[in-house]
Amino acid sequence: MTLDGYMNLRTIRPVMALLLAGHVVMGCSDDRAWTEQDSWYRPPPPSWAGNVSTLDSQRLIAVTNEKRITALTMLSGSSSRLLTPAEASDLAGVEVTPGPGMRFYLVRAVYLNEGTGTFQLRLAGTELEVHHGSLSRGAMPMKRAALIAQLKEQPTEVYVTCSMAQ
């Protein structure tokens, strides 16, 4: 390599480093609310927005912190699972009874900042969306949760989403 070629490499290297650093910074400055996306995250298709209704929050029962790992394990192979009233009561930590014509289903969920948000159920036919919206000042990794939903029938699809506002 000639001295002239060496000088060009010395000049090009810092320029390339600046360009690469710019791409890294731009890649990290998107508007995502999460730093890691969980495999349970599954948004509905764009065509899903048709006949969607938001379900009453009383149809959603939290799983106690003590039973969270048990519930997550129960959902390892499926996005929803039929529960007996006894199983639902055990997971909820209180006696629960389904309303007329209703059954309990354990469903997958994800969240970003659980303490500053709420879960919401939306239904389109037999397809269910489990969404958690929260508040925070910065992106964070998604975390898994399991919820007990009171529904007339088992969902044929479960879409699992989350969002965050600042």
C-alpha atoms as a PDB file:
ATOM      1  CA  MET A   1       0.000   0.000   0.000  1.00  0.00           C
ATOM      2  CA  THR A   2       1.333   3.410  -0.885  1.00  0.00           C
ATOM      3  CA  LEU A   3       1.546   6.310   1.504  1.00  0.00           C
ATOM      4  CA  ASP A   4      -1.217   8.006  -0.490  1.00  0.00           C
ATOM      5  CA  GLY A   5      -3.506   4.962  -0.001  1.00  0.00           C
ATOM      6  CA  TYR A   6      -2.738   4.943   3.724  1.00  0.00           C
ATOM      7  CA  MET A   7      -3.709   8.593   4.034  1.00  0.00           C
ATOM      8  CA  ASN A   8      -7.055   7.866   2.348  1.00  0.00           C
ATOM      9  CA  LEU A   9      -7.777   5.026   4.785  1.00  0.00           C
ATOM     10  CA  ARG A  10      -6.873   7.282   7.732  1.00  0.00           C
ATOM     11  CA  THR A  11      -9.311   9.880   6.430  1.00  0.00           C
ATOM     12  CA  ILE A  12     -12.089   7.429   5.596  1.00  0.00           C
ATOM     13  CA  ARG A  13     -12.098   5.536   8.920  1.00  0.00           C
ATOM     14  CA  PRO A  14     -13.270   8.468  11.107  1.00  0.00           C
ATOM     15  CA  VAL A  15     -15.915   9.402   8.535  1.00  0.00           C
ATOM     16  CA  MET A  16     -17.204   5.819   8.461  1.00  0.00           C
ATOM     17  CA  ALA A  17     -17.246   5.698  12.274  1.00  0.00           C
ATOM     18  CA  LEU A  18     -19.357   8.871  12.391  1.00  0.00           C
ATOM     19  CA  LEU A  19     -21.776   7.499   9.804  1.00  0.00           C
ATOM     20  CA  LEU A  20     -22.170   4.214  11.687  1.00  0.00           C
ATOM     21  CA  ALA A  21     -22.675   6.026  14.995  1.00  0.00           C
ATOM     22  CA  GLY A  22     -25.396   8.134  13.380  1.00  0.00           C
ATOM     23  CA  HIS A  23     -27.218   5.010  12.201  1.00  0.00           C
ATOM     24  CA  VAL A  24     -27.027   3.437  15.653  1.00  0.00           C
ATOM     25  CA  VAL A  25     -28.445   6.568  17.312  1.00  0.00           C
ATOM     26  CA  MET A  26     -31.212   6.871  14.711  1.00  0.00           C
ATOM     27  CA  GLY A  27     -32.069   3.176  15.142  1.00  0.00           C
ATOM     28  CA  CYS A  28     -32.544   3.684  18.885  1.00  0.00           C
ATOM     29  CA  SER A  29     -34.606   6.839  18.587  1.00  0.00           C
ATOM     30  CA  ASP A  30     -37.820   5.341  17.216  1.00  0.00           C
ATOM     31  CA  ASP A  31     -41.136   5.743  19.024  1.00  0.00           C
ATOM     32  CA  ARG A  32     -41.425   2.222  20.416  1.00  0.00           C
ATOM     33  CA  ALA A  33     -42.431   1.981  24.036  1.00  0.00           C
ATOM     34  CA  TRP A  34     -40.428  -1.184  24.600  1.00  0.00           C
ATOM     35  CA  THR A  35     -36.798  -2.180  24.516  1.00  0.00           C
ATOM     36  CA  GLU A  36     -37.598  -5.890  24.126  1.00  0.00           C
ATOM     37  CA  GLN A  37     -40.656  -7.384  22.465  1.00  0.00           C
ATOM     38  CA  ASP A  38     -42.043 -10.520  24.114  1.00  0.00           C
ATOM     39  CA  SER A  39     -43.056 -13.463  21.918  1.00  0.00           C
ATOM     40  CA  TRP A  40     -46.602 -13.247  23.351  1.00  0.00           C
ATOM     41  CA  TYR A  41     -47.037  -9.786  21.781  1.00  0.00           C
ATOM     42  CA  ARG A  42     -49.412 -10.286  18.858  1.00  0.00           C
ATOM     43  CA  PRO A  43     -51.325  -7.311  17.444  1.00  0.00           C
ATOM     44  CA  PRO A  44     -54.551  -7.876  15.513  1.00  0.00           C
ATOM     45  CA  PRO A  45     -54.449  -7.545  11.723  1.00  0.00           C
ATOM     46  CA  PRO A  46     -55.405  -4.133  10.251  1.00  0.00           C
ATOM     47  CA  SER A  47     -58.695  -5.583   8.978  1.00  0.00           C
ATOM     48  CA  TRP A  48     -59.702  -6.458  12.560  1.00  0.00           C
ATOM     49  CA  ALA A  49     -60.898  -2.946  13.462  1.00  0.00           C
ATOM     50  CA  GLY A  50     -64.422  -3.541  12.071  1.00  0.00           C
ATOM     51  CA  ASN A  51     -67.007  -4.726  14.588  1.00  0.00           C
ATOM     52  CA  VAL A  52     -65.045  -4.425  17.855  1.00  0.00           C
ATOM     53  CA  SER A  53     -66.591  -3.871  21.276  1.00  0.00           C
ATOM     54  CA  THR A  54     -64.827  -3.029  24.533  1.00  0.00           C
ATOM     55  CA  LEU A  55     -65.845  -5.346  27.351  1.00  0.00           C
ATOM     56  CA  ASP A  56     -66.802  -4.169  30.819  1.00  0.00           C
ATOM     57  CA  SER A  57     -63.787  -4.192  33.159  1.00  0.00           C
ATOM     58  CA  GLN A  58     -65.769  -6.356  35.607  1.00  0.00           C
ATOM     59  CA  ARG A  59     -65.339  -9.238  33.159  1.00  0.00           C
ATOM     60  CA  LEU A  60     -61.596  -9.201  33.874  1.00  0.00           C
ATOM     61  CA  ILE A  61     -60.105 -10.720  37.034  1.00  0.00           C
ATOM     62  CA  ALA A  62     -56.473 -10.339  38.081  1.00  0.00           C
ATOM     63  CA  VAL A  63     -54.317 -13.323  38.976  1.00  0.00           C
ATOM     64  CA  THR A  64     -52.615 -12.842  42.356  1.00  0.00           C
ATOM     65  CA  ASN A  65     -48.858 -12.272  42.428  1.00  0.00           C
ATOM     66  CA  GLU A  66     -48.466 -15.569  44.307  1.00  0.00           C
ATOM     67  CA  LYS A  67     -50.176 -17.484  41.476  1.00  0.00           C
ATOM     68  CA  ARG A  68     -48.654 -15.581  38.534  1.00  0.00           C
ATOM     69  CA  ILE A  69     -45.991 -18.179  37.692  1.00  0.00           C
ATOM     70  CA  THR A  70     -48.555 -20.986  37.904  1.00  0.00           C
ATOM     71  CA  ALA A  71     -50.875 -19.098  35.536  1.00  0.00           C
ATOM     72  CA  LEU A  72     -48.071 -18.286  33.083  1.00  0.00           C
ATOM     73  CA  THR A  73     -47.093 -21.962  33.027  1.00  0.00           C
ATOM     74  CA  MET A  74     -50.709 -22.929  32.308  1.00  0.00           C
ATOM     75  CA  LEU A  75     -50.543 -20.699  29.188  1.00  0.00           C
ATOM     76  CA  SER A  76     -47.185 -21.933  27.900  1.00  0.00           C
ATOM     77  CA  GLY A  77     -48.752 -23.841  25.007  1.00  0.00           C
ATOM     78  CA  SER A  78     -51.905 -21.844  24.300  1.00  0.00           C
ATOM     79  CA  SER A  79     -53.070 -18.210  24.315  1.00  0.00           C
ATOM     80  CA  SER A  80     -56.253 -19.100  26.249  1.00  0.00           C
ATOM     81  CA  ARG A  81     -57.437 -21.910  28.503  1.00  0.00           C
ATOM     82  CA  LEU A  82     -60.831 -22.789  29.974  1.00  0.00           C
ATOM     83  CA  LEU A  83     -60.870 -22.659  33.789  1.00  0.00           C
ATOM     84  CA  THR A  84     -63.235 -24.249  36.259  1.00  0.00           C
ATOM     85  CA  PRO A  85     -64.706 -21.849  38.836  1.00  0.00           C
ATOM     86  CA  ALA A  86     -62.468 -23.525  41.448  1.00  0.00           C
ATOM     87  CA  GLU A  87     -59.322 -22.918  39.333  1.00  0.00           C
ATOM     88  CA  ALA A  88     -60.342 -19.307  38.690  1.00  0.00           C
ATOM     89  CA  SER A  89     -60.957 -18.758  42.415  1.00  0.00           C
ATOM     90  CA  ASP A  90     -57.579 -20.276  43.275  1.00  0.00           C
ATOM     91  CA  LEU A  91     -55.740 -18.056  40.772  1.00  0.00           C
ATOM     92  CA  ALA A  92     -57.679 -14.931  41.813  1.00  0.00           C
ATOM     93  CA  GLY A  93     -57.251 -15.566  45.530  1.00  0.00           C
ATOM     94  CA  VAL A  94     -60.982 -14.949  46.133  1.00  0.00           C
ATOM     95  CA  GLU A  95     -64.160 -16.902  45.463  1.00  0.00           C
ATOM     96  CA  VAL A  96     -65.438 -16.066  41.967  1.00  0.00           C
ATOM     97  CA  THR A  97     -68.569 -17.283  40.219  1.00  0.00           C
ATOM     98  CA  PRO A  98     -69.241 -16.741  36.532  1.00  0.00           C
ATOM     99  CA  GLY A  99     -72.322 -14.799  35.489  1.00  0.00           C
ATOM    100  CA  PRO A 100     -75.199 -16.538  33.691  1.00  0.00           C
ATOM    101  CA  GLY A 101     -74.024 -18.081  30.420  1.00  0.00           C
ATOM    102  CA  MET A 102     -70.405 -17.122  31.147  1.00  0.00           C
ATOM    103  CA  ARG A 103     -67.255 -19.165  31.690  1.00  0.00           C
ATOM    104  CA  PHE A 104     -63.778 -18.288  32.929  1.00  0.00           C
ATOM    105  CA  TYR A 105     -60.809 -18.326  30.558  1.00  0.00           C
ATOM    106  CA  LEU A 106     -57.190 -17.742  31.421  1.00  0.00           C
ATOM    107  CA  VAL A 107     -55.675 -15.500  28.728  1.00  0.00           C
ATOM    108  CA  ARG A 108     -52.227 -14.235  27.850  1.00  0.00           C
ATOM    109  CA  ALA A 109     -51.255 -10.609  28.380  1.00  0.00           C
ATOM    110  CA  VAL A 110     -48.167  -8.389  28.215  1.00  0.00           C
ATOM    111  CA  TYR A 111     -47.459  -5.065  29.879  1.00  0.00           C
ATOM    112  CA  LEU A 112     -44.760  -2.422  30.086  1.00  0.00           C
ATOM    113  CA  ASN A 113     -45.377  -0.564  33.340  1.00  0.00           C
ATOM    114  CA  GLU A 114     -48.043  -2.515  35.202  1.00  0.00           C
ATOM    115  CA  GLY A 115     -48.376  -0.132  38.135  1.00  0.00           C
ATOM    116  CA  THR A 116     -49.372   2.879  36.022  1.00  0.00           C
ATOM    117  CA  GLY A 117     -51.820   1.212  33.690  1.00  0.00           C
ATOM    118  CA  THR A 118     -54.829  -0.988  33.171  1.00  0.00           C
ATOM    119  CA  PHE A 119     -55.821  -3.996  31.142  1.00  0.00           C
ATOM    120  CA  GLN A 120     -58.667  -3.829  28.653  1.00  0.00           C
ATOM    121  CA  LEU A 121     -60.524  -6.519  26.699  1.00  0.00           C
ATOM    122  CA  ARG A 122     -61.907  -5.946  23.218  1.00  0.00           C
ATOM    123  CA  LEU A 123     -63.969  -8.513  21.364  1.00  0.00           C
ATOM    124  CA  ALA A 124     -64.791  -8.914  17.676  1.00  0.00           C
ATOM    125  CA  GLY A 125     -66.965 -11.992  17.263  1.00  0.00           C
ATOM    126  CA  THR A 126     -64.942 -14.734  18.940  1.00  0.00           C
ATOM    127  CA  GLU A 127     -61.588 -12.937  18.589  1.00  0.00           C
ATOM    128  CA  LEU A 128     -60.239 -11.259  21.712  1.00  0.00           C
ATOM    129  CA  GLU A 129     -57.664  -8.507  22.182  1.00  0.00           C
ATOM    130  CA  VAL A 130     -56.026  -8.191  25.600  1.00  0.00           C
ATOM    131  CA  HIS A 131     -54.417  -4.755  25.811  1.00  0.00           C
ATOM    132  CA  HIS A 132     -52.472  -2.994  28.552  1.00  0.00           C
ATOM    133  CA  GLY A 133     -51.971   0.761  28.423  1.00  0.00           C
ATOM    134  CA  SER A 134     -49.591   2.469  30.839  1.00  0.00           C
ATOM    135  CA  LEU A 135     -47.543   5.594  31.561  1.00  0.00           C
ATOM    136  CA  SER A 136     -43.766   5.973  31.754  1.00  0.00           C
ATOM    137  CA  ARG A 137     -40.939   8.273  30.773  1.00  0.00           C
ATOM    138  CA  GLY A 138     -38.927   5.773  28.761  1.00  0.00           C
ATOM    139  CA  ALA A 139     -38.975   2.509  26.861  1.00  0.00           C
ATOM    140  CA  MET A 140     -38.780  -0.721  28.849  1.00  0.00           C
ATOM    141  CA  PRO A 141     -38.964  -4.470  28.188  1.00  0.00           C
ATOM    142  CA  MET A 142     -42.327  -6.201  27.887  1.00  0.00           C
ATOM    143  CA  LYS A 143     -43.316  -8.514  30.700  1.00  0.00           C
ATOM    144  CA  ARG A 144     -45.838 -11.356  30.712  1.00  0.00           C
ATOM    145  CA  ALA A 145     -49.042 -11.582  32.674  1.00  0.00           C
ATOM    146  CA  ALA A 146     -52.041 -13.886  32.805  1.00  0.00           C
ATOM    147  CA  LEU A 147     -55.611 -12.699  33.338  1.00  0.00           C
ATOM    148  CA  ILE A 148     -58.936 -14.362  33.933  1.00  0.00           C
ATOM    149  CA  ALA A 149     -61.590 -13.246  31.455  1.00  0.00           C
ATOM    150  CA  GLN A 150     -65.287 -13.956  31.843  1.00  0.00           C
ATOM    151  CA  LEU A 151     -66.591 -14.780  28.343  1.00  0.00           C
ATOM    152  CA  LYS A 152     -69.468 -16.633  26.720  1.00  0.00           C
ATOM    153  CA  GLU A 153     -67.126 -18.839  24.691  1.00  0.00           C
ATOM    154  CA  GLN A 154     -63.457 -19.568  24.261  1.00  0.00           C
ATOM    155  CA  PRO A 155     -61.742 -17.079  21.944  1.00  0.00           C
ATOM    156  CA  THR A 156     -60.709 -18.453  18.567  1.00  0.00           C
ATOM    157  CA  GLU A 157     -57.856 -15.909  18.473  1.00  0.00           C
ATOM    158  CA  VAL A 158     -56.188 -13.934  21.247  1.00  0.00           C
ATOM    159  CA  TYR A 159     -54.341 -10.778  20.253  1.00  0.00           C
ATOM    160  CA  VAL A 160     -51.984  -9.496  22.932  1.00  0.00           C
ATOM    161  CA  THR A 161     -50.884  -5.846  22.846  1.00  0.00           C
ATOM    162  CA  CYS A 162     -49.559  -3.058  25.038  1.00  0.00           C
ATOM    163  CA  SER A 163     -48.834   0.643  24.731  1.00  0.00           C
ATOM    164  CA  MET A 164     -47.340   3.461  26.746  1.00  0.00           C
ATOM    165  CA  ALA A 165     -47.905   7.198  26.942  1.00  0.00           C
ATOM    166  CA  GLN A 166     -45.475   9.679  28.458  1.00  0.00           C
END
